[in-house]
Amino acid sequence: MESHAREMANARERINRAELALERTEEMLAENIALRSRIRAQRCLVEAAYGLAKIDPQQTQTAFRGPSRAFSRGR
């Protein structure tokens, strides 16, 4: 009888460890999906900026630098 109780306790412990491992795995998966989403969004922005630079390089350079220095100094 004691052997049966010990086996049941061991089985419960293995189940608990497996559940914890599954929770950690799900958390890591969610983090990886979020990171991939951010990387994909950044890549889209870079590709869009590159596309704009090919269409109108002069205008794109001005837009990326912001207002010219002459305007920011009050000239």
PDB file of N, CA and C in Angstrom:
ATOM      1  N   MET A   1       0.820  -1.197   0.000  1.00  0.00           N
ATOM      2  CA  MET A   1       0.000   0.000   0.000  1.00  0.00           C
ATOM      3  C   MET A   1       0.866   1.264   0.000  1.00  0.00           C
ATOM      4  N   GLU A   2       1.910   1.215   0.812  1.00  0.00           N
ATOM      5  CA  GLU A   2       2.802   2.375   0.902  1.00  0.00           C
ATOM      6  C   GLU A   2       3.477   2.648  -0.443  1.00  0.00           C
ATOM      7  N   SER A   3       3.782   1.612  -1.163  1.00  0.00           N
ATOM      8  CA  SER A   3       4.398   1.737  -2.475  1.00  0.00           C
ATOM      9  C   SER A   3       3.459   2.448  -3.453  1.00  0.00           C
ATOM     10  N   HIS A   4       2.191   2.099  -3.378  1.00  0.00           N
ATOM     11  CA  HIS A   4       1.190   2.721  -4.247  1.00  0.00           C
ATOM     12  C   HIS A   4       1.078   4.225  -3.956  1.00  0.00           C
ATOM     13  N   ALA A   5       1.071   4.619  -2.694  1.00  0.00           N
ATOM     14  CA  ALA A   5       0.977   6.029  -2.307  1.00  0.00           C
ATOM     15  C   ALA A   5       2.201   6.792  -2.800  1.00  0.00           C
ATOM     16  N   ARG A   6       3.372   6.158  -2.689  1.00  0.00           N
ATOM     17  CA  ARG A   6       4.607   6.799  -3.140  1.00  0.00           C
ATOM     18  C   ARG A   6       4.588   6.985  -4.660  1.00  0.00           C
ATOM     19  N   GLU A   7       4.125   6.003  -5.387  1.00  0.00           N
ATOM     20  CA  GLU A   7       4.011   6.116  -6.840  1.00  0.00           C
ATOM     21  C   GLU A   7       3.033   7.217  -7.240  1.00  0.00           C
ATOM     22  N   MET A   8       1.921   7.316  -6.514  1.00  0.00           N
ATOM     23  CA  MET A   8       0.941   8.375  -6.793  1.00  0.00           C
ATOM     24  C   MET A   8       1.549   9.752  -6.527  1.00  0.00           C
ATOM     25  N   ALA A   9       2.300   9.891  -5.439  1.00  0.00           N
ATOM     26  CA  ALA A   9       2.940  11.166  -5.117  1.00  0.00           C
ATOM     27  C   ALA A   9       3.953  11.530  -6.199  1.00  0.00           C
ATOM     28  N   ASN A  10       4.717  10.548  -6.648  1.00  0.00           N
ATOM     29  CA  ASN A  10       5.691  10.796  -7.717  1.00  0.00           C
ATOM     30  C   ASN A  10       4.990  11.209  -9.010  1.00  0.00           C
ATOM     31  N   ALA A  11       3.901  10.548  -9.313  1.00  0.00           N
ATOM     32  CA  ALA A  11       3.152  10.888 -10.527  1.00  0.00           C
ATOM     33  C   ALA A  11       2.600  12.302 -10.442  1.00  0.00           C
ATOM     34  N   ARG A  12       2.064  12.683  -9.268  1.00  0.00           N
ATOM     35  CA  ARG A  12       1.551  14.053  -9.096  1.00  0.00           C
ATOM     36  C   ARG A  12       2.670  15.071  -9.266  1.00  0.00           C
ATOM     37  N   GLU A  13       3.828  14.755  -8.715  1.00  0.00           N
ATOM     38  CA  GLU A  13       4.979  15.664  -8.833  1.00  0.00           C
ATOM     39  C   GLU A  13       5.394  15.821 -10.298  1.00  0.00           C
ATOM     40  N   ARG A  14       5.424  14.743 -11.048  1.00  0.00           N
ATOM     41  CA  ARG A  14       5.758  14.828 -12.474  1.00  0.00           C
ATOM     42  C   ARG A  14       4.720  15.653 -13.232  1.00  0.00           C
ATOM     43  N   ILE A  15       3.461  15.476 -12.878  1.00  0.00           N
ATOM     44  CA  ILE A  15       2.396  16.264 -13.518  1.00  0.00           C
ATOM     45  C   ILE A  15       2.583  17.744 -13.208  1.00  0.00           C
ATOM     46  N   ASN A  16       2.871  18.064 -11.945  1.00  0.00           N
ATOM     47  CA  ASN A  16       3.081  19.472 -11.565  1.00  0.00           C
ATOM     48  C   ASN A  16       4.263  20.079 -12.321  1.00  0.00           C
ATOM     49  N   ARG A  17       5.356  19.315 -12.422  1.00  0.00           N
ATOM     50  CA  ARG A  17       6.523  19.814 -13.159  1.00  0.00           C
ATOM     51  C   ARG A  17       6.197  20.018 -14.631  1.00  0.00           C
ATOM     52  N   ALA A  18       5.443  19.097 -15.197  1.00  0.00           N
ATOM     53  CA  ALA A  18       5.067  19.218 -16.610  1.00  0.00           C
ATOM     54  C   ALA A  18       4.166  20.432 -16.828  1.00  0.00           C
ATOM     55  N   GLU A  19       3.250  20.681 -15.897  1.00  0.00           N
ATOM     56  CA  GLU A  19       2.372  21.855 -16.022  1.00  0.00           C
ATOM     57  C   GLU A  19       3.173  23.144 -15.925  1.00  0.00           C
ATOM     58  N   LEU A  20       4.135  23.201 -15.003  1.00  0.00           N
ATOM     59  CA  LEU A  20       4.984  24.392 -14.889  1.00  0.00           C
ATOM     60  C   LEU A  20       5.808  24.596 -16.158  1.00  0.00           C
ATOM     61  N   ALA A  21       6.344  23.516 -16.686  1.00  0.00           N
ATOM     62  CA  ALA A  21       7.124  23.621 -17.923  1.00  0.00           C
ATOM     63  C   ALA A  21       6.248  24.119 -19.065  1.00  0.00           C
ATOM     64  N   LEU A  22       5.016  23.645 -19.134  1.00  0.00           N
ATOM     65  CA  LEU A  22       4.096  24.092 -20.171  1.00  0.00           C
ATOM     66  C   LEU A  22       3.782  25.578 -20.018  1.00  0.00           C
ATOM     67  N   GLU A  23       3.558  26.039 -18.790  1.00  0.00           N
ATOM     68  CA  GLU A  23       3.297  27.468 -18.552  1.00  0.00           C
ATOM     69  C   GLU A  23       4.483  28.315 -18.996  1.00  0.00           C
ATOM     70  N   ARG A  24       5.695  27.887 -18.622  1.00  0.00           N
ATOM     71  CA  ARG A  24       6.893  28.637 -19.027  1.00  0.00           C
ATOM     72  C   ARG A  24       7.036  28.660 -20.545  1.00  0.00           C
ATOM     73  N   THR A  25       6.754  27.535 -21.162  1.00  0.00           N
ATOM     74  CA  THR A  25       6.849  27.455 -22.620  1.00  0.00           C
ATOM     75  C   THR A  25       5.855  28.394 -23.280  1.00  0.00           C
ATOM     76  N   GLU A  26       4.633  28.442 -22.757  1.00  0.00           N
ATOM     77  CA  GLU A  26       3.620  29.341 -23.320  1.00  0.00           C
ATOM     78  C   GLU A  26       4.021  30.803 -23.145  1.00  0.00           C
ATOM     79  N   GLU A  27       4.608  31.143 -21.982  1.00  0.00           N
ATOM     80  CA  GLU A  27       5.072  32.515 -21.756  1.00  0.00           C
ATOM     81  C   GLU A  27       6.191  32.873 -22.734  1.00  0.00           C
ATOM     82  N   MET A  28       7.137  31.963 -22.912  1.00  0.00           N
ATOM     83  CA  MET A  28       8.238  32.218 -23.839  1.00  0.00           C
ATOM     84  C   MET A  28       7.727  32.354 -25.266  1.00  0.00           C
ATOM     85  N   LEU A  29       6.759  31.544 -25.632  1.00  0.00           N
ATOM     86  CA  LEU A  29       6.180  31.632 -26.972  1.00  0.00           C
ATOM     87  C   LEU A  29       5.506  32.984 -27.176  1.00  0.00           C
ATOM     88  N   ALA A  30       4.757  33.444 -26.169  1.00  0.00           N
ATOM     89  CA  ALA A  30       4.097  34.749 -26.275  1.00  0.00           C
ATOM     90  C   ALA A  30       5.130  35.866 -26.422  1.00  0.00           C
ATOM     91  N   GLU A  31       6.218  35.792 -25.660  1.00  0.00           N
ATOM     92  CA  GLU A  31       7.275  36.801 -25.770  1.00  0.00           C
ATOM     93  C   GLU A  31       7.910  36.773 -27.160  1.00  0.00           C
ATOM     94  N   ASN A  32       8.162  35.587 -27.672  1.00  0.00           N
ATOM     95  CA  ASN A  32       8.766  35.464 -29.003  1.00  0.00           C
ATOM     96  C   ASN A  32       7.843  35.996 -30.090  1.00  0.00           C
ATOM     97  N   ILE A  33       6.553  35.732 -29.961  1.00  0.00           N
ATOM     98  CA  ILE A  33       5.596  36.246 -30.945  1.00  0.00           C
ATOM     99  C   ILE A  33       5.562  37.767 -30.897  1.00  0.00           C
ATOM    100  N   ALA A  34       5.568  38.339 -29.682  1.00  0.00           N
ATOM    101  CA  ALA A  34       5.568  39.797 -29.554  1.00  0.00           C
ATOM    102  C   ALA A  34       6.845  40.391 -30.151  1.00  0.00           C
ATOM    103  N   LEU A  35       7.976  39.769 -29.884  1.00  0.00           N
ATOM    104  CA  LEU A  35       9.246  40.255 -30.434  1.00  0.00           C
ATOM    105  C   LEU A  35       9.242  40.173 -31.955  1.00  0.00           C
ATOM    106  N   ARG A  36       8.757  39.074 -32.493  1.00  0.00           N
ATOM    107  CA  ARG A  36       8.685  38.925 -33.950  1.00  0.00           C
ATOM    108  C   ARG A  36       7.785  39.990 -34.556  1.00  0.00           C
ATOM    109  N   SER A  37       6.704  40.304 -33.869  1.00  0.00           N
ATOM    110  CA  SER A  37       5.792  41.335 -34.368  1.00  0.00           C
ATOM    111  C   SER A  37       6.491  42.691 -34.416  1.00  0.00           C
ATOM    112  N   ARG A  38       7.250  43.014 -33.362  1.00  0.00           N
ATOM    113  CA  ARG A  38       7.980  44.290 -33.347  1.00  0.00           C
ATOM    114  C   ARG A  38       9.042  44.323 -34.439  1.00  0.00           C
ATOM    115  N   ILE A  39       9.754  43.222 -34.616  1.00  0.00           N
ATOM    116  CA  ILE A  39      10.784  43.166 -35.656  1.00  0.00           C
ATOM    117  C   ILE A  39      10.153  43.329 -37.028  1.00  0.00           C
ATOM    118  N   ARG A  40       9.035  42.663 -37.247  1.00  0.00           N
ATOM    119  CA  ARG A  40       8.361  42.761 -38.546  1.00  0.00           C
ATOM    120  C   ARG A  40       7.885  44.195 -38.796  1.00  0.00           C
ATOM    121  N   ALA A  41       7.359  44.856 -37.767  1.00  0.00           N
ATOM    122  CA  ALA A  41       6.897  46.235 -37.930  1.00  0.00           C
ATOM    123  C   ALA A  41       8.072  47.160 -38.255  1.00  0.00           C
ATOM    124  N   GLN A  42       9.195  46.961 -37.568  1.00  0.00           N
ATOM    125  CA  GLN A  42      10.369  47.787 -37.848  1.00  0.00           C
ATOM    126  C   GLN A  42      10.874  47.546 -39.267  1.00  0.00           C
ATOM    127  N   ARG A  43      10.854  46.298 -39.701  1.00  0.00           N
ATOM    128  CA  ARG A  43      11.301  45.983 -41.055  1.00  0.00           C
ATOM    129  C   ARG A  43      10.400  46.666 -42.076  1.00  0.00           C
ATOM    130  N   CYS A  44       9.095  46.670 -41.818  1.00  0.00           N
ATOM    131  CA  CYS A  44       8.167  47.339 -42.737  1.00  0.00           C
ATOM    132  C   CYS A  44       8.475  48.829 -42.821  1.00  0.00           C
ATOM    133  N   LEU A  45       8.795  49.451 -41.675  1.00  0.00           N
ATOM    134  CA  LEU A  45       9.130  50.874 -41.679  1.00  0.00           C
ATOM    135  C   LEU A  45      10.398  51.138 -42.482  1.00  0.00           C
ATOM    136  N   VAL A  46      11.396  50.292 -42.292  1.00  0.00           N
ATOM    137  CA  VAL A  46      12.654  50.464 -43.027  1.00  0.00           C
ATOM    138  C   VAL A  46      12.417  50.292 -44.518  1.00  0.00           C
ATOM    139  N   GLU A  47      11.640  49.277 -44.884  1.00  0.00           N
ATOM    140  CA  GLU A  47      11.362  49.061 -46.305  1.00  0.00           C
ATOM    141  C   GLU A  47      10.571  50.218 -46.900  1.00  0.00           C
ATOM    142  N   ALA A  48       9.636  50.770 -46.129  1.00  0.00           N
ATOM    143  CA  ALA A  48       8.863  51.912 -46.621  1.00  0.00           C
ATOM    144  C   ALA A  48       9.772  53.127 -46.800  1.00  0.00           C
ATOM    145  N   ALA A  49      10.664  53.356 -45.842  1.00  0.00           N
ATOM    146  CA  ALA A  49      11.594  54.482 -45.956  1.00  0.00           C
ATOM    147  C   ALA A  49      12.513  54.294 -47.158  1.00  0.00           C
ATOM    148  N   TYR A  50      12.962  53.074 -47.381  1.00  0.00           N
ATOM    149  CA  TYR A  50      13.813  52.798 -48.540  1.00  0.00           C
ATOM    150  C   TYR A  50      13.046  53.057 -49.833  1.00  0.00           C
ATOM    151  N   GLY A  51      11.793  52.656 -49.855  1.00  0.00           N
ATOM    152  CA  GLY A  51      10.967  52.904 -51.038  1.00  0.00           C
ATOM    153  C   GLY A  51      10.788  54.388 -51.294  1.00  0.00           C
ATOM    154  N   LEU A  52      10.588  55.159 -50.232  1.00  0.00           N
ATOM    155  CA  LEU A  52      10.462  56.609 -50.393  1.00  0.00           C
ATOM    156  C   LEU A  52      11.764  57.216 -50.897  1.00  0.00           C
ATOM    157  N   ALA A  53      12.874  56.710 -50.399  1.00  0.00           N
ATOM    158  CA  ALA A  53      14.169  57.238 -50.825  1.00  0.00           C
ATOM    159  C   ALA A  53      14.394  56.982 -52.308  1.00  0.00           C
ATOM    160  N   LYS A  54      13.889  55.878 -52.818  1.00  0.00           N
ATOM    161  CA  LYS A  54      14.043  55.587 -54.243  1.00  0.00           C
ATOM    162  C   LYS A  54      13.139  56.476 -55.084  1.00  0.00           C
ATOM    163  N   ILE A  55      11.968  56.843 -54.553  1.00  0.00           N
ATOM    164  CA  ILE A  55      11.025  57.672 -55.304  1.00  0.00           C
ATOM    165  C   ILE A  55      11.516  59.114 -55.374  1.00  0.00           C
ATOM    166  N   ASP A  56      11.891  59.679 -54.212  1.00  0.00           N
ATOM    167  CA  ASP A  56      12.303  61.081 -54.159  1.00  0.00           C
ATOM    168  C   ASP A  56      13.445  61.217 -53.154  1.00  0.00           C
ATOM    169  N   PRO A  57      14.674  60.934 -53.560  1.00  0.00           N
ATOM    170  CA  PRO A  57      15.793  60.931 -52.625  1.00  0.00           C
ATOM    171  C   PRO A  57      15.993  62.263 -51.909  1.00  0.00           C
ATOM    172  N   GLN A  58      15.873  63.370 -52.607  1.00  0.00           N
ATOM    173  CA  GLN A  58      16.109  64.676 -51.994  1.00  0.00           C
ATOM    174  C   GLN A  58      15.087  64.965 -50.900  1.00  0.00           C
ATOM    175  N   GLN A  59      13.837  64.747 -51.188  1.00  0.00           N
ATOM    176  CA  GLN A  59      12.775  65.002 -50.216  1.00  0.00           C
ATOM    177  C   GLN A  59      12.909  64.065 -49.019  1.00  0.00           C
ATOM    178  N   THR A  60      13.284  62.831 -49.257  1.00  0.00           N
ATOM    179  CA  THR A  60      13.407  61.854 -48.185  1.00  0.00           C
ATOM    180  C   THR A  60      14.541  62.228 -47.249  1.00  0.00           C
ATOM    181  N   GLN A  61      15.665  62.690 -47.778  1.00  0.00           N
ATOM    182  CA  GLN A  61      16.776  63.093 -46.922  1.00  0.00           C
ATOM    183  C   GLN A  61      16.364  64.240 -46.020  1.00  0.00           C
ATOM    184  N   THR A  62      15.627  65.189 -46.546  1.00  0.00           N
ATOM    185  CA  THR A  62      15.157  66.318 -45.742  1.00  0.00           C
ATOM    186  C   THR A  62      14.214  65.836 -44.657  1.00  0.00           C
ATOM    187  N   ALA A  63      13.335  64.919 -44.997  1.00  0.00           N
ATOM    188  CA  ALA A  63      12.367  64.421 -44.023  1.00  0.00           C
ATOM    189  C   ALA A  63      13.060  63.650 -42.910  1.00  0.00           C
ATOM    190  N   PHE A  64      14.096  62.882 -43.221  1.00  0.00           N
ATOM    191  CA  PHE A  64      14.780  62.103 -42.210  1.00  0.00           C
ATOM    192  C   PHE A  64      15.614  62.979 -41.279  1.00  0.00           C
ATOM    193  N   ARG A  65      16.146  64.078 -41.803  1.00  0.00           N
ATOM    194  CA  ARG A  65      16.955  64.967 -40.969  1.00  0.00           C
ATOM    195  C   ARG A  65      16.107  65.899 -40.140  1.00  0.00           C
ATOM    196  N   GLY A  66      14.882  66.090 -40.509  1.00  0.00           N
ATOM    197  CA  GLY A  66      14.034  67.042 -39.813  1.00  0.00           C
ATOM    198  C   GLY A  66      14.195  68.406 -40.435  1.00  0.00           C
ATOM    199  N   PRO A  67      13.736  69.444 -39.738  1.00  0.00           N
ATOM    200  CA  PRO A  67      13.843  70.799 -40.296  1.00  0.00           C
ATOM    201  C   PRO A  67      15.310  71.179 -40.490  1.00  0.00           C
ATOM    202  N   SER A  68      15.546  71.986 -41.486  1.00  0.00           N
ATOM    203  CA  SER A  68      16.934  72.383 -41.736  1.00  0.00           C
ATOM    204  C   SER A  68      17.441  73.238 -40.588  1.00  0.00           C
ATOM    205  N   ARG A  69      18.749  73.329 -40.483  1.00  0.00           N
ATOM    206  CA  ARG A  69      19.356  74.083 -39.388  1.00  0.00           C
ATOM    207  C   ARG A  69      19.071  75.574 -39.502  1.00  0.00           C
ATOM    208  N   ALA A  70      18.919  76.044 -40.705  1.00  0.00           N
ATOM    209  CA  ALA A  70      18.635  77.471 -40.886  1.00  0.00           C
ATOM    210  C   ALA A  70      17.316  77.833 -40.215  1.00  0.00           C
ATOM    211  N   PHE A  71      16.335  76.956 -40.309  1.00  0.00           N
ATOM    212  CA  PHE A  71      15.044  77.250 -39.679  1.00  0.00           C
ATOM    213  C   PHE A  71      15.121  77.121 -38.166  1.00  0.00           C
ATOM    214  N   SER A  72      15.895  76.173 -37.675  1.00  0.00           N
ATOM    215  CA  SER A  72      15.944  75.970 -36.231  1.00  0.00           C
ATOM    216  C   SER A  72      16.727  77.068 -35.525  1.00  0.00           C
ATOM    217  N   ARG A  73      17.603  77.790 -36.242  1.00  0.00           N
ATOM    218  CA  ARG A  73      18.358  78.872 -35.622  1.00  0.00           C
ATOM    219  C   ARG A  73      17.656  80.213 -35.756  1.00  0.00           C
ATOM    220  N   GLY A  74      16.548  80.235 -36.455  1.00  0.00           N
ATOM    221  CA  GLY A  74      15.812  81.482 -36.581  1.00  0.00           C
ATOM    222  C   GLY A  74      16.257  82.339 -37.735  1.00  0.00           C
ATOM    223  N   ARG A  75      16.985  81.821 -38.679  1.00  0.00           N
ATOM    224  CA  ARG A  75      17.453  82.603 -39.828  1.00  0.00           C
ATOM    225  C   ARG A  75      16.414  82.688 -40.887  1.00  0.00           C
TER     226      ARG A  75
END
